[in-house]
C-alpha atoms as a PDB file:
ATOM      1  CA  UNK A   1     -14.562   9.083 -15.869  1.00  0.00           C
ATOM      2  CA  UNK A   2     -13.417   5.775 -14.414  1.00  0.00           C
ATOM      3  CA  UNK A   3     -10.857   6.080 -11.635  1.00  0.00           C
ATOM      4  CA  UNK A   4      -9.781   4.676  -8.281  1.00  0.00           C
ATOM      5  CA  UNK A   5     -11.815   5.838  -5.303  1.00  0.00           C
ATOM      6  CA  UNK A   6     -12.626   4.487  -1.869  1.00  0.00           C
ATOM      7  CA  UNK A   7     -15.753   2.541  -0.998  1.00  0.00           C
ATOM      8  CA  UNK A   8     -17.171   1.829   2.467  1.00  0.00           C
ATOM      9  CA  UNK A   9     -18.882  -1.431   3.401  1.00  0.00           C
ATOM     10  CA  UNK A  10     -21.693  -0.205   5.649  1.00  0.00           C
ATOM     11  CA  UNK A  11     -22.224  -3.713   7.042  1.00  0.00           C
ATOM     12  CA  UNK A  12     -18.700  -3.699   8.480  1.00  0.00           C
ATOM     13  CA  UNK A  13     -18.455  -0.030   9.488  1.00  0.00           C
ATOM     14  CA  UNK A  14     -18.974   0.396  13.251  1.00  0.00           C
ATOM     15  CA  UNK A  15     -18.933   4.186  13.208  1.00  0.00           C
ATOM     16  CA  UNK A  16     -15.732   4.490  15.262  1.00  0.00           C
ATOM     17  CA  UNK A  17     -14.591   7.490  13.217  1.00  0.00           C
ATOM     18  CA  UNK A  18     -10.905   6.512  13.163  1.00  0.00           C
ATOM     19  CA  UNK A  19     -10.798   7.003   9.403  1.00  0.00           C
ATOM     20  CA  UNK A  20     -11.851  10.662   9.610  1.00  0.00           C
ATOM     21  CA  UNK A  21      -8.490  12.173  10.749  1.00  0.00           C
ATOM     22  CA  UNK A  22      -6.721  10.059   8.110  1.00  0.00           C
ATOM     23  CA  UNK A  23      -8.528  11.995   5.367  1.00  0.00           C
ATOM     24  CA  UNK A  24      -7.414  15.651   5.538  1.00  0.00           C
ATOM     25  CA  UNK A  25      -9.205  16.271   2.237  1.00  0.00           C
ATOM     26  CA  UNK A  26     -12.536  16.063   4.090  1.00  0.00           C
ATOM     27  CA  UNK A  27     -13.998  13.339   1.878  1.00  0.00           C
ATOM     28  CA  UNK A  28     -15.235  11.345   4.895  1.00  0.00           C
ATOM     29  CA  UNK A  29     -17.814  12.250   7.509  1.00  0.00           C
ATOM     30  CA  UNK A  30     -19.735  10.341  10.172  1.00  0.00           C
ATOM     31  CA  UNK A  31     -23.400  10.418   9.226  1.00  0.00           C
ATOM     32  CA  UNK A  32     -26.100   8.357  10.983  1.00  0.00           C
ATOM     33  CA  UNK A  33     -23.462   6.387  12.811  1.00  0.00           C
ATOM     34  CA  UNK A  34     -21.545   5.329   9.680  1.00  0.00           C
ATOM     35  CA  UNK A  35     -18.542   6.698   7.812  1.00  0.00           C
ATOM     36  CA  UNK A  36     -19.673   8.152   4.495  1.00  0.00           C
ATOM     37  CA  UNK A  37     -17.889   9.397   1.378  1.00  0.00           C
ATOM     38  CA  UNK A  38     -19.546  12.784   1.025  1.00  0.00           C
ATOM     39  CA  UNK A  39     -18.192  13.709  -2.401  1.00  0.00           C
ATOM     40  CA  UNK A  40     -16.205  12.031  -5.176  1.00  0.00           C
ATOM     41  CA  UNK A  41     -14.565  15.410  -5.794  1.00  0.00           C
ATOM     42  CA  UNK A  42     -12.759  15.228  -2.445  1.00  0.00           C
ATOM     43  CA  UNK A  43     -11.418  11.653  -2.666  1.00  0.00           C
ATOM     44  CA  UNK A  44      -8.045  11.232  -4.368  1.00  0.00           C
ATOM     45  CA  UNK A  45      -8.240   7.420  -4.226  1.00  0.00           C
ATOM     46  CA  UNK A  46      -4.821   7.023  -2.582  1.00  0.00           C
ATOM     47  CA  UNK A  47      -6.317   5.203   0.394  1.00  0.00           C
ATOM     48  CA  UNK A  48      -4.669   6.984   3.329  1.00  0.00           C
ATOM     49  CA  UNK A  49      -7.790   6.120   5.353  1.00  0.00           C
ATOM     50  CA  UNK A  50      -7.428   2.354   4.783  1.00  0.00           C
ATOM     51  CA  UNK A  51      -4.962   1.832   7.583  1.00  0.00           C
ATOM     52  CA  UNK A  52      -7.153   3.660  10.085  1.00  0.00           C
ATOM     53  CA  UNK A  53     -10.133   1.296   9.803  1.00  0.00           C
ATOM     54  CA  UNK A  54      -9.940  -1.426  12.478  1.00  0.00           C
ATOM     55  CA  UNK A  55     -12.645  -3.576  10.854  1.00  0.00           C
ATOM     56  CA  UNK A  56     -11.519  -3.444   7.218  1.00  0.00           C
ATOM     57  CA  UNK A  57     -14.648  -1.620   6.048  1.00  0.00           C
ATOM     58  CA  UNK A  58     -12.800   0.660   3.601  1.00  0.00           C
ATOM     59  CA  UNK A  59     -11.259  -0.436   0.314  1.00  0.00           C
ATOM     60  CA  UNK A  60     -10.219   1.159  -2.980  1.00  0.00           C
ATOM     61  CA  UNK A  61     -12.211   0.314  -6.092  1.00  0.00           C
ATOM     62  CA  UNK A  62     -12.258   1.487  -9.684  1.00  0.00           C
ATOM     63  CA  UNK A  63     -15.580   2.961 -10.775  1.00  0.00           C
ATOM     64  CA  UNK A  64     -17.188   5.863 -12.575  1.00  0.00           C
ATOM     65  CA  UNK A  65     -16.574   8.959 -10.464  1.00  0.00           C
ATOM     66  CA  UNK A  66     -16.221  12.692 -10.817  1.00  0.00           C
ATOM     67  CA  UNK A  67     -12.580  13.751 -11.237  1.00  0.00           C
ATOM     68  CA  UNK A  68     -10.751  14.653  -8.036  1.00  0.00           C
ATOM     69  CA  UNK A  69     -10.735  18.453  -7.735  1.00  0.00           C
ATOM     70  CA  UNK A  70      -7.763  19.895  -5.825  1.00  0.00           C
ATOM     71  CA  UNK A  71      -9.169  23.421  -5.986  1.00  0.00           C
ATOM     72  CA  UNK A  72     -12.415  22.436  -4.261  1.00  0.00           C
ATOM     73  CA  UNK A  73     -10.496  20.324  -1.744  1.00  0.00           C
ATOM     74  CA  UNK A  74      -8.292  23.290  -0.854  1.00  0.00           C
ATOM     75  CA  UNK A  75     -11.350  25.409  -0.080  1.00  0.00           C
ATOM     76  CA  UNK A  76     -12.130  23.012   2.784  1.00  0.00           C
ATOM     77  CA  UNK A  77      -8.472  22.503   3.715  1.00  0.00           C
ATOM     78  CA  UNK A  78      -7.787  26.226   4.178  1.00  0.00           C
ATOM     79  CA  UNK A  79     -10.883  26.654   6.351  1.00  0.00           C
ATOM     80  CA  UNK A  80      -9.718  23.802   8.605  1.00  0.00           C
ATOM     81  CA  UNK A  81      -6.498  25.573   9.549  1.00  0.00           C
ATOM     82  CA  UNK A  82      -2.705  25.113   9.357  1.00  0.00           C
ATOM     83  CA  UNK A  83      -2.540  21.593  10.805  1.00  0.00           C
ATOM     84  CA  UNK A  84      -4.936  20.270   8.172  1.00  0.00           C
ATOM     85  CA  UNK A  85      -3.097  22.182   5.443  1.00  0.00           C
ATOM     86  CA  UNK A  86       0.168  20.578   6.546  1.00  0.00           C
ATOM     87  CA  UNK A  87      -1.401  17.095   6.718  1.00  0.00           C
ATOM     88  CA  UNK A  88      -2.844  17.448   3.211  1.00  0.00           C
ATOM     89  CA  UNK A  89       0.428  18.630   1.661  1.00  0.00           C
ATOM     90  CA  UNK A  90       2.319  15.841   3.434  1.00  0.00           C
ATOM     91  CA  UNK A  91      -0.198  13.318   2.131  1.00  0.00           C
ATOM     92  CA  UNK A  92       0.285  14.506  -1.457  1.00  0.00           C
ATOM     93  CA  UNK A  93       4.063  14.633  -1.096  1.00  0.00           C
ATOM     94  CA  UNK A  94       4.408  11.160   0.408  1.00  0.00           C
ATOM     95  CA  UNK A  95       2.290   9.595  -2.344  1.00  0.00           C
ATOM     96  CA  UNK A  96       4.234  11.241  -5.139  1.00  0.00           C
ATOM     97  CA  UNK A  97       1.340  13.460  -6.275  1.00  0.00           C
ATOM     98  CA  UNK A  98       3.600  16.250  -7.498  1.00  0.00           C
ATOM     99  CA  UNK A  99       1.012  17.873  -9.776  1.00  0.00           C
ATOM    100  CA  UNK A 100      -1.617  18.129  -7.035  1.00  0.00           C
ATOM    101  CA  UNK A 101       1.016  19.237  -4.521  1.00  0.00           C
ATOM    102  CA  UNK A 102       2.160  22.095  -6.768  1.00  0.00           C
ATOM    103  CA  UNK A 103      -1.449  23.027  -7.444  1.00  0.00           C
ATOM    104  CA  UNK A 104      -2.211  23.125  -3.710  1.00  0.00           C
ATOM    105  CA  UNK A 105       0.840  25.297  -2.998  1.00  0.00           C
ATOM    106  CA  UNK A 106      -0.154  27.682  -5.793  1.00  0.00           C
ATOM    107  CA  UNK A 107      -3.664  27.996  -4.331  1.00  0.00           C
ATOM    108  CA  UNK A 108      -2.239  28.751  -0.868  1.00  0.00           C
ATOM    109  CA  UNK A 109       0.027  31.455  -2.276  1.00  0.00           C
ATOM    110  CA  UNK A 110      -2.848  32.951  -4.260  1.00  0.00           C
ATOM    111  CA  UNK A 111      -4.927  33.163  -1.083  1.00  0.00           C
ATOM    112  CA  UNK A 112      -2.022  34.606   0.883  1.00  0.00           C
ATOM    113  CA  UNK A 113      -1.927  31.559   3.208  1.00  0.00           C
ATOM    114  CA  UNK A 114       1.542  30.556   4.506  1.00  0.00           C
ATOM    115  CA  UNK A 115       2.908  27.327   3.018  1.00  0.00           C
ATOM    116  CA  UNK A 116       4.137  25.092   5.879  1.00  0.00           C
ATOM    117  CA  UNK A 117       7.536  23.433   5.817  1.00  0.00           C
ATOM    118  CA  UNK A 118       7.235  19.653   5.724  1.00  0.00           C
ATOM    119  CA  UNK A 119      10.798  18.373   6.186  1.00  0.00           C
ATOM    120  CA  UNK A 120      10.711  18.343   9.986  1.00  0.00           C
ATOM    121  CA  UNK A 121       7.189  16.963  10.341  1.00  0.00           C
ATOM    122  CA  UNK A 122       6.821  13.571  12.061  1.00  0.00           C
ATOM    123  CA  UNK A 123       5.257  10.628  10.241  1.00  0.00           C
ATOM    124  CA  UNK A 124       1.493  10.419  10.275  1.00  0.00           C
ATOM    125  CA  UNK A 125      -0.332   7.116  10.007  1.00  0.00           C
ATOM    126  CA  UNK A 126      -1.014   6.499   6.344  1.00  0.00           C
ATOM    127  CA  UNK A 127       1.181   9.452   5.332  1.00  0.00           C
ATOM    128  CA  UNK A 128       4.611   8.331   6.420  1.00  0.00           C
ATOM    129  CA  UNK A 129       7.485   8.590   3.920  1.00  0.00           C
ATOM    130  CA  UNK A 130       8.117   4.931   4.689  1.00  0.00           C
ATOM    131  CA  UNK A 131       4.907   4.034   2.858  1.00  0.00           C
ATOM    132  CA  UNK A 132       5.536   6.170  -0.238  1.00  0.00           C
ATOM    133  CA  UNK A 133       5.796   4.033  -3.381  1.00  0.00           C
ATOM    134  CA  UNK A 134       9.320   3.865  -4.781  1.00  0.00           C
ATOM    135  CA  UNK A 135      10.992   1.923  -7.579  1.00  0.00           C
ATOM    136  CA  UNK A 136      14.468   0.854  -6.489  1.00  0.00           C
ATOM    137  CA  UNK A 137      17.566   0.243  -8.597  1.00  0.00           C
ATOM    138  CA  UNK A 138      20.135  -1.077  -6.147  1.00  0.00           C
ATOM    139  CA  UNK A 139      23.777  -1.262  -7.149  1.00  0.00           C
ATOM    140  CA  UNK A 140      26.465  -3.464  -5.671  1.00  0.00           C
ATOM    141  CA  UNK A 141      28.593  -1.503  -3.217  1.00  0.00           C
ATOM    142  CA  UNK A 142      32.163  -2.295  -2.227  1.00  0.00           C
ATOM    143  CA  UNK A 143      31.120  -2.956   1.362  1.00  0.00           C
ATOM    144  CA  UNK A 144      28.442  -5.450   0.340  1.00  0.00           C
ATOM    145  CA  UNK A 145      30.701  -8.455   0.677  1.00  0.00           C
ATOM    146  CA  UNK A 146      30.548 -11.601   2.737  1.00  0.00           C
ATOM    147  CA  UNK A 147      33.710 -13.462   3.635  1.00  0.00           C
ATOM    148  CA  UNK A 148      33.290 -17.219   3.807  1.00  0.00           C
ATOM    149  CA  UNK A 149      36.494 -19.056   4.498  1.00  0.00           C
ATOM    150  CA  UNK A 150      38.973 -18.123   1.815  1.00  0.00           C
ATOM    151  CA  UNK A 151      36.378 -16.823  -0.663  1.00  0.00           C
ATOM    152  CA  UNK A 152      34.727 -13.447  -0.979  1.00  0.00           C
ATOM    153  CA  UNK A 153      31.142 -13.579  -2.224  1.00  0.00           C
ATOM    154  CA  UNK A 154      29.439 -10.364  -3.375  1.00  0.00           C
ATOM    155  CA  UNK A 155      25.822 -10.006  -2.248  1.00  0.00           C
ATOM    156  CA  UNK A 156      23.223  -7.343  -2.838  1.00  0.00           C
ATOM    157  CA  UNK A 157      19.577  -6.643  -2.276  1.00  0.00           C
ATOM    158  CA  UNK A 158      17.331  -7.719  -5.152  1.00  0.00           C
ATOM    159  CA  UNK A 159      14.427  -5.620  -3.891  1.00  0.00           C
ATOM    160  CA  UNK A 160      13.049  -3.427  -6.668  1.00  0.00           C
ATOM    161  CA  UNK A 161      10.222  -1.559  -4.912  1.00  0.00           C
ATOM    162  CA  UNK A 162       9.058  -0.064  -1.631  1.00  0.00           C
ATOM    163  CA  UNK A 163       6.962  -0.585   0.445  1.00  0.00           C
ATOM    164  CA  UNK A 164       6.523  -4.363   0.607  1.00  0.00           C
ATOM    165  CA  UNK A 165       3.913  -4.842   3.354  1.00  0.00           C
ATOM    166  CA  UNK A 166       0.496  -5.440   1.779  1.00  0.00           C
ATOM    167  CA  UNK A 167      -1.155  -3.030   4.192  1.00  0.00           C
ATOM    168  CA  UNK A 168       1.006  -0.165   2.856  1.00  0.00           C
ATOM    169  CA  UNK A 169       1.130  -0.931  -0.870  1.00  0.00           C
ATOM    170  CA  UNK A 170      -0.617   1.584  -3.114  1.00  0.00           C
ATOM    171  CA  UNK A 171      -2.986  -0.121  -5.550  1.00  0.00           C
ATOM    172  CA  UNK A 172      -1.981   2.280  -8.315  1.00  0.00           C
ATOM    173  CA  UNK A 173       1.791   1.962  -7.828  1.00  0.00           C
ATOM    174  CA  UNK A 174       3.355   1.801 -11.309  1.00  0.00           C
ATOM    175  CA  UNK A 175       5.654  -1.102 -10.405  1.00  0.00           C
ATOM    176  CA  UNK A 176       2.603  -3.381 -10.059  1.00  0.00           C
ATOM    177  CA  UNK A 177       1.678  -3.130 -13.755  1.00  0.00           C
ATOM    178  CA  UNK A 178       2.200  -6.556 -15.404  1.00  0.00           C
ATOM    179  CA  UNK A 179       4.385  -7.570 -12.482  1.00  0.00           C
ATOM    180  CA  UNK A 180       5.634 -10.986 -11.465  1.00  0.00           C
ATOM    181  CA  UNK A 181       4.485 -11.091  -7.852  1.00  0.00           C
ATOM    182  CA  UNK A 182       6.260 -12.724  -4.940  1.00  0.00           C
ATOM    183  CA  UNK A 183       3.837 -13.060  -2.037  1.00  0.00           C
ATOM    184  CA  UNK A 184       5.865 -13.977   1.026  1.00  0.00           C
ATOM    185  CA  UNK A 185       5.087 -14.786   4.640  1.00  0.00           C
ATOM    186  CA  UNK A 186       6.784 -12.367   7.018  1.00  0.00           C
ATOM    187  CA  UNK A 187       8.971 -15.061   8.600  1.00  0.00           C
ATOM    188  CA  UNK A 188      10.475 -16.493   5.409  1.00  0.00           C
ATOM    189  CA  UNK A 189      13.389 -14.027   4.934  1.00  0.00           C
ATOM    190  CA  UNK A 190      14.590 -14.830   8.463  1.00  0.00           C
ATOM    191  CA  UNK A 191      14.501 -18.594   7.902  1.00  0.00           C
ATOM    192  CA  UNK A 192      15.796 -18.841   4.327  1.00  0.00           C
ATOM    193  CA  UNK A 193      19.289 -17.380   3.943  1.00  0.00           C
ATOM    194  CA  UNK A 194      19.249 -17.120   0.143  1.00  0.00           C
ATOM    195  CA  UNK A 195      15.862 -15.385   0.013  1.00  0.00           C
ATOM    196  CA  UNK A 196      16.888 -12.492  -2.249  1.00  0.00           C
ATOM    197  CA  UNK A 197      18.738 -14.481  -4.900  1.00  0.00           C
ATOM    198  CA  UNK A 198      16.346 -17.422  -4.959  1.00  0.00           C
ATOM    199  CA  UNK A 199      12.984 -15.671  -4.670  1.00  0.00           C
ATOM    200  CA  UNK A 200      13.115 -11.844  -4.801  1.00  0.00           C
ATOM    201  CA  UNK A 201      15.136 -11.366  -7.995  1.00  0.00           C
ATOM    202  CA  UNK A 202      12.949  -9.984 -10.763  1.00  0.00           C
ATOM    203  CA  UNK A 203       9.806  -9.940  -8.603  1.00  0.00           C
ATOM    204  CA  UNK A 204       7.592  -7.362  -6.956  1.00  0.00           C
ATOM    205  CA  UNK A 205       7.394  -8.350  -3.291  1.00  0.00           C
ATOM    206  CA  UNK A 206       4.258  -8.394  -1.147  1.00  0.00           C
ATOM    207  CA  UNK A 207       4.518  -9.630   2.423  1.00  0.00           C
ATOM    208  CA  UNK A 208       2.093 -10.241   5.285  1.00  0.00           C
ATOM    209  CA  UNK A 209       1.312 -12.682   8.093  1.00  0.00           C
ATOM    210  CA  UNK A 210      -1.926 -14.681   7.620  1.00  0.00           C
ATOM    211  CA  UNK A 211      -2.100 -15.502  11.336  1.00  0.00           C
ATOM    212  CA  UNK A 212      -1.234 -12.302  13.192  1.00  0.00           C
ATOM    213  CA  UNK A 213      -2.265  -9.510  10.812  1.00  0.00           C
ATOM    214  CA  UNK A 214      -5.717  -8.023  11.295  1.00  0.00           C
ATOM    215  CA  UNK A 215      -8.103  -7.233   8.461  1.00  0.00           C
ATOM    216  CA  UNK A 216      -7.536 -10.366   6.372  1.00  0.00           C
ATOM    217  CA  UNK A 217     -10.773  -9.739   4.456  1.00  0.00           C
ATOM    218  CA  UNK A 218      -9.336  -6.379   3.480  1.00  0.00           C
ATOM    219  CA  UNK A 219      -6.184  -8.158   2.294  1.00  0.00           C
ATOM    220  CA  UNK A 220      -8.332 -10.366   0.063  1.00  0.00           C
ATOM    221  CA  UNK A 221     -10.079  -7.286  -1.341  1.00  0.00           C
ATOM    222  CA  UNK A 222      -6.788  -5.484  -1.919  1.00  0.00           C
ATOM    223  CA  UNK A 223      -5.129  -8.429  -3.661  1.00  0.00           C
ATOM    224  CA  UNK A 224      -8.240  -8.901  -5.773  1.00  0.00           C
ATOM    225  CA  UNK A 225      -7.999  -5.297  -6.930  1.00  0.00           C
ATOM    226  CA  UNK A 226      -4.328  -5.741  -7.750  1.00  0.00           C
ATOM    227  CA  UNK A 227      -5.084  -8.892  -9.751  1.00  0.00           C
ATOM    228  CA  UNK A 228      -7.961  -7.273 -11.662  1.00  0.00           C
ATOM    229  CA  UNK A 229      -6.422  -3.848 -12.289  1.00  0.00           C
ATOM    230  CA  UNK A 230      -2.736  -4.513 -12.883  1.00  0.00           C
ATOM    231  CA  UNK A 231      -2.705  -7.449 -15.334  1.00  0.00           C
ATOM    232  CA  UNK A 232      -0.357  -9.458 -13.103  1.00  0.00           C
ATOM    233  CA  UNK A 233       1.799 -11.883 -15.102  1.00  0.00           C
ATOM    234  CA  UNK A 234       2.616 -14.472 -12.442  1.00  0.00           C
ATOM    235  CA  UNK A 235       2.000 -15.215  -8.776  1.00  0.00           C
ATOM    236  CA  UNK A 236       4.632 -16.886  -6.626  1.00  0.00           C
ATOM    237  CA  UNK A 237       4.056 -17.744  -2.962  1.00  0.00           C
ATOM    238  CA  UNK A 238       6.781 -18.567  -0.467  1.00  0.00           C
ATOM    239  CA  UNK A 239       5.690 -19.550   3.045  1.00  0.00           C
ATOM    240  CA  UNK A 240       6.828 -21.430   6.113  1.00  0.00           C
ATOM    241  CA  UNK A 241       5.995 -25.099   6.725  1.00  0.00           C
ATOM    242  CA  UNK A 242       3.940 -24.333   9.858  1.00  0.00           C
ATOM    243  CA  UNK A 243       0.187 -24.978   9.306  1.00  0.00           C
ATOM    244  CA  UNK A 244      -0.971 -21.401  10.018  1.00  0.00           C
ATOM    245  CA  UNK A 245       1.201 -20.121   7.170  1.00  0.00           C
ATOM    246  CA  UNK A 246      -0.920 -22.065   4.706  1.00  0.00           C
ATOM    247  CA  UNK A 247      -3.431 -19.265   5.084  1.00  0.00           C
ATOM    248  CA  UNK A 248      -1.463 -17.296   2.500  1.00  0.00           C
ATOM    249  CA  UNK A 249      -2.504 -19.767  -0.187  1.00  0.00           C
ATOM    250  CA  UNK A 250      -6.150 -19.528   0.876  1.00  0.00           C
ATOM    251  CA  UNK A 251      -6.052 -15.719   0.815  1.00  0.00           C
ATOM    252  CA  UNK A 252      -4.489 -15.635  -2.665  1.00  0.00           C
ATOM    253  CA  UNK A 253      -6.981 -18.194  -4.004  1.00  0.00           C
ATOM    254  CA  UNK A 254      -9.924 -16.188  -2.650  1.00  0.00           C
ATOM    255  CA  UNK A 255      -8.497 -12.979  -4.108  1.00  0.00           C
ATOM    256  CA  UNK A 256      -8.059 -14.543  -7.545  1.00  0.00           C
ATOM    257  CA  UNK A 257     -11.605 -15.874  -7.406  1.00  0.00           C
ATOM    258  CA  UNK A 258     -12.974 -12.496  -6.352  1.00  0.00           C
ATOM    259  CA  UNK A 259     -11.033 -10.776  -9.138  1.00  0.00           C
ATOM    260  CA  UNK A 260     -12.393 -13.256 -11.678  1.00  0.00           C
ATOM    261  CA  UNK A 261      -8.961 -14.024 -13.068  1.00  0.00           C
ATOM    262  CA  UNK A 262      -7.065 -17.274 -13.443  1.00  0.00           C
ATOM    263  CA  UNK A 263      -3.347 -17.490 -12.734  1.00  0.00           C
ATOM    264  CA  UNK A 264      -1.014 -20.395 -12.108  1.00  0.00           C
ATOM    265  CA  UNK A 265       0.255 -20.013  -8.548  1.00  0.00           C
ATOM    266  CA  UNK A 266       3.667 -21.441  -7.696  1.00  0.00           C
ATOM    267  CA  UNK A 267       4.214 -22.286  -4.035  1.00  0.00           C
ATOM    268  CA  UNK A 268       7.505 -22.867  -2.210  1.00  0.00           C
ATOM    269  CA  UNK A 269       7.440 -24.075   1.389  1.00  0.00           C
ATOM    270  CA  UNK A 270      10.387 -23.300   3.694  1.00  0.00           C
ATOM    271  CA  UNK A 271      11.191 -25.534   6.650  1.00  0.00           C
ATOM    272  CA  UNK A 272      11.985 -24.131  10.082  1.00  0.00           C
ATOM    273  CA  UNK A 273      15.524 -25.369   9.484  1.00  0.00           C
ATOM    274  CA  UNK A 274      15.774 -22.963   6.546  1.00  0.00           C
ATOM    275  CA  UNK A 275      15.482 -25.400   3.648  1.00  0.00           C
ATOM    276  CA  UNK A 276      13.048 -25.658   0.747  1.00  0.00           C
ATOM    277  CA  UNK A 277      10.685 -28.395   1.870  1.00  0.00           C
END
C-alpha cells in the first residue's frame, strides 16, 4: 500500500541519535553510525522524530510501504517499560490517532499491563498537545471588542487551524487538503495591525522565519510534500520589507519546483511602519 512514512537522508545524518527517543514505537535505531528505519511496520508516518533532528536529515514521504501494525509495535512498547508505554499513548493521543490509541489500550488490558493516565503528563518534544492538529471554528465573543473613539468595532480571530508553525504542521492534517495557503513571516502579525482580516481570513496559515529558523532544507522538503500531496489551490506569501525576509519567496519557489507543480504565488510586502509596501 502507498502511505506516508519517514525517510532518512544518510548524507545528512550525523549519527547523533537525537531522533531515537522521539520514536517510542521503536522504528528507529542507530546502525553503523547512522539512524535507520528498521521496519515499515513500526513507523506511523506522523513524524514525531522530525523535530529532534538537528541537521534536517529526516522527512516524511509517501511511498509503497507495509501497513503500520499497532499490535507488533505494542510488543516492543510493552517490553520497553511504563515510560515508553506512556510516551507511545501520548504520541497517539496528541496526533488524533483515536483508532490506534484504543487498539493500544485494548492490547495493554489484554496483557494485564496497567494503562497510564496521561492528563498530568508534561509535554514531550514532538508530542505536545500544542502541536496536535486542530480545525478551529472561532465565534465572536462579547468581550472581543475594541473601542476606538466613539465607535465600537467587533474583532475576532480568523485562524481556522492549529498549529501554524511549519516545523509543527502535520503533513497529513485534513485542513491542508485543497487549501488556500497563507505563508507568513513570523514578524508580520506584529507589524501589520489588520493581519487577520486582510490576510488570514479563509486561509490555512503557515509561518516561519527564513533567517533564524534552522533546517531550511527540511522546510523546503516539507512544503514540497504539502504541495504535491494536498492539491493546494493557492499560495499567498506575506513578508516584511527587510531583505532577509525575501528568503520566504525563495523557499516557496524551490518547494514548488521540487514538488513538480505550478502555482501562481501572490506576494504582499509589509513595511516596518506597518503598511503594505
